[in-house]
Amino acid sequence: MKLLSVAIPCYNSEAYMEHCIQTLLSGGEEVEIIIVDDGSARDRTPEIADEYARRYPTICKAVHQENGGHGGSREYRASECHRYFL
């Protein structure tokens, strides 16, 4: 079981999302990183999320959803997280 799950809400975030993800990857296998693409359409956010999920399949998970606004991506289903702390 993972020690910590972190959901990263992303909407057209290609300019800075990789820095956030790279920082969290230092936690290694103890961390679950859930990249929630909230309907991005103007940049490479969905592709970047998928690339991290492909490169780090035991750590990163990419979730794509229709734009739900700031609260929509934060309310990602906690029941799908595998952690002690969220």
C-alpha atoms as a PDB file:
ATOM      1  CA  MET A   1       0.000   0.000   0.000  1.00  0.00           C
ATOM      2  CA  LYS A   2       1.162   3.523  -0.784  1.00  0.00           C
ATOM      3  CA  LEU A   3       1.925   5.877   2.075  1.00  0.00           C
ATOM      4  CA  LEU A   4       0.708   9.031   0.334  1.00  0.00           C
ATOM      5  CA  SER A   5      -1.587   9.797  -2.603  1.00  0.00           C
ATOM      6  CA  VAL A   6      -1.353  13.217  -4.235  1.00  0.00           C
ATOM      7  CA  ALA A   7      -3.905  14.389  -6.789  1.00  0.00           C
ATOM      8  CA  ILE A   8      -2.598  17.144  -9.055  1.00  0.00           C
ATOM      9  CA  PRO A   9      -5.408  19.107 -10.743  1.00  0.00           C
ATOM     10  CA  CYS A  10      -4.204  20.285 -14.180  1.00  0.00           C
ATOM     11  CA  TYR A  11      -5.909  22.566 -16.666  1.00  0.00           C
ATOM     12  CA  ASN A  12      -3.714  23.797 -19.510  1.00  0.00           C
ATOM     13  CA  SER A  13      -0.741  23.361 -17.164  1.00  0.00           C
ATOM     14  CA  GLU A  14       2.080  22.251 -19.452  1.00  0.00           C
ATOM     15  CA  ALA A  15       4.290  25.189 -18.399  1.00  0.00           C
ATOM     16  CA  TYR A  16       4.677  24.024 -14.795  1.00  0.00           C
ATOM     17  CA  MET A  17       3.115  20.594 -14.201  1.00  0.00           C
ATOM     18  CA  GLU A  18       6.329  18.681 -14.944  1.00  0.00           C
ATOM     19  CA  HIS A  19       8.180  20.516 -12.177  1.00  0.00           C
ATOM     20  CA  CYS A  20       5.455  19.524  -9.702  1.00  0.00           C
ATOM     21  CA  ILE A  21       5.446  15.887 -10.821  1.00  0.00           C
ATOM     22  CA  GLN A  22       9.247  15.625 -10.823  1.00  0.00           C
ATOM     23  CA  THR A  23       9.339  16.959  -7.269  1.00  0.00           C
ATOM     24  CA  LEU A  24       6.823  14.354  -6.083  1.00  0.00           C
ATOM     25  CA  LEU A  25       8.642  11.518  -7.847  1.00  0.00           C
ATOM     26  CA  SER A  26      11.406  11.880  -5.253  1.00  0.00           C
ATOM     27  CA  GLY A  27       9.043  10.003  -2.902  1.00  0.00           C
ATOM     28  CA  GLY A  28       9.552   6.858  -4.965  1.00  0.00           C
ATOM     29  CA  GLU A  29       7.255   3.869  -4.617  1.00  0.00           C
ATOM     30  CA  GLU A  30       5.780   5.204  -1.358  1.00  0.00           C
ATOM     31  CA  VAL A  31       3.878   7.878  -3.316  1.00  0.00           C
ATOM     32  CA  GLU A  32       0.924   7.633  -5.698  1.00  0.00           C
ATOM     33  CA  ILE A  33       0.657  10.606  -8.066  1.00  0.00           C
ATOM     34  CA  ILE A  34      -2.740  11.086  -9.688  1.00  0.00           C
ATOM     35  CA  ILE A  35      -2.569  13.613 -12.510  1.00  0.00           C
ATOM     36  CA  VAL A  36      -6.116  14.876 -13.100  1.00  0.00           C
ATOM     37  CA  ASP A  37      -6.424  16.527 -16.511  1.00  0.00           C
ATOM     38  CA  ASP A  38      -9.502  18.722 -16.159  1.00  0.00           C
ATOM     39  CA  GLY A  39     -10.420  18.991 -19.831  1.00  0.00           C
ATOM     40  CA  SER A  40      -7.282  20.741 -21.082  1.00  0.00           C
ATOM     41  CA  ALA A  41      -7.531  21.592 -24.769  1.00  0.00           C
ATOM     42  CA  ARG A  42      -5.033  24.349 -25.550  1.00  0.00           C
ATOM     43  CA  ASP A  43      -1.738  22.711 -24.657  1.00  0.00           C
ATOM     44  CA  ARG A  44       0.010  19.376 -24.108  1.00  0.00           C
ATOM     45  CA  THR A  45      -1.302  18.719 -20.580  1.00  0.00           C
ATOM     46  CA  PRO A  46      -3.104  15.462 -21.538  1.00  0.00           C
ATOM     47  CA  GLU A  47      -0.061  14.124 -23.408  1.00  0.00           C
ATOM     48  CA  ILE A  48       2.301  14.999 -20.562  1.00  0.00           C
ATOM     49  CA  ALA A  49       0.006  13.253 -18.052  1.00  0.00           C
ATOM     50  CA  ASP A  50      -0.119  10.139 -20.232  1.00  0.00           C
ATOM     51  CA  GLU A  51       3.660  10.157 -20.686  1.00  0.00           C
ATOM     52  CA  TYR A  52       4.282  10.168 -16.911  1.00  0.00           C
ATOM     53  CA  ALA A  53       1.734   7.380 -16.439  1.00  0.00           C
ATOM     54  CA  ARG A  54       3.541   5.356 -19.116  1.00  0.00           C
ATOM     55  CA  ARG A  55       7.037   6.043 -17.755  1.00  0.00           C
ATOM     56  CA  TYR A  56       6.137   5.479 -14.074  1.00  0.00           C
ATOM     57  CA  PRO A  57       3.208   3.014 -14.116  1.00  0.00           C
ATOM     58  CA  THR A  58       3.559   2.033 -10.446  1.00  0.00           C
ATOM     59  CA  ILE A  59       3.631   5.663  -9.271  1.00  0.00           C
ATOM     60  CA  CYS A  60       1.684   7.878 -11.708  1.00  0.00           C
ATOM     61  CA  LYS A  61      -1.876   7.592 -12.905  1.00  0.00           C
ATOM     62  CA  ALA A  62      -3.408   9.888 -15.541  1.00  0.00           C
ATOM     63  CA  VAL A  63      -7.099  10.694 -15.262  1.00  0.00           C
ATOM     64  CA  HIS A  64      -8.868  12.635 -18.014  1.00  0.00           C
ATOM     65  CA  GLN A  65     -12.228  14.245 -17.388  1.00  0.00           C
ATOM     66  CA  GLU A  66     -14.426  16.990 -18.776  1.00  0.00           C
ATOM     67  CA  ASN A  67     -13.728  20.423 -17.380  1.00  0.00           C
ATOM     68  CA  GLY A  68     -15.349  20.621 -13.981  1.00  0.00           C
ATOM     69  CA  GLY A  69     -13.673  23.777 -12.726  1.00  0.00           C
ATOM     70  CA  HIS A  70     -11.345  24.103  -9.769  1.00  0.00           C
ATOM     71  CA  GLY A  71     -13.473  21.993  -7.423  1.00  0.00           C
ATOM     72  CA  GLY A  72     -14.210  19.295  -9.973  1.00  0.00           C
ATOM     73  CA  SER A  73     -10.650  18.096 -10.301  1.00  0.00           C
ATOM     74  CA  ARG A  74      -9.975  18.348  -6.563  1.00  0.00           C
ATOM     75  CA  GLU A  75     -12.899  16.068  -5.848  1.00  0.00           C
ATOM     76  CA  TYR A  76     -11.374  13.131  -7.667  1.00  0.00           C
ATOM     77  CA  ARG A  77     -12.785   9.915  -6.240  1.00  0.00           C
ATOM     78  CA  ALA A  78     -10.762   9.257  -3.107  1.00  0.00           C
ATOM     79  CA  SER A  79     -11.959   5.658  -3.146  1.00  0.00           C
ATOM     80  CA  GLU A  80      -9.578   5.005  -6.072  1.00  0.00           C
ATOM     81  CA  CYS A  81      -6.525   6.113  -4.101  1.00  0.00           C
ATOM     82  CA  HIS A  82      -4.284   3.494  -2.482  1.00  0.00           C
ATOM     83  CA  ARG A  83      -2.764   5.279   0.494  1.00  0.00           C
ATOM     84  CA  TYR A  84      -2.706   5.938   4.183  1.00  0.00           C
ATOM     85  CA  PHE A  85      -2.708   9.726   3.700  1.00  0.00           C
ATOM     86  CA  LEU A  86      -4.442  11.748   0.992  1.00  0.00           C
END
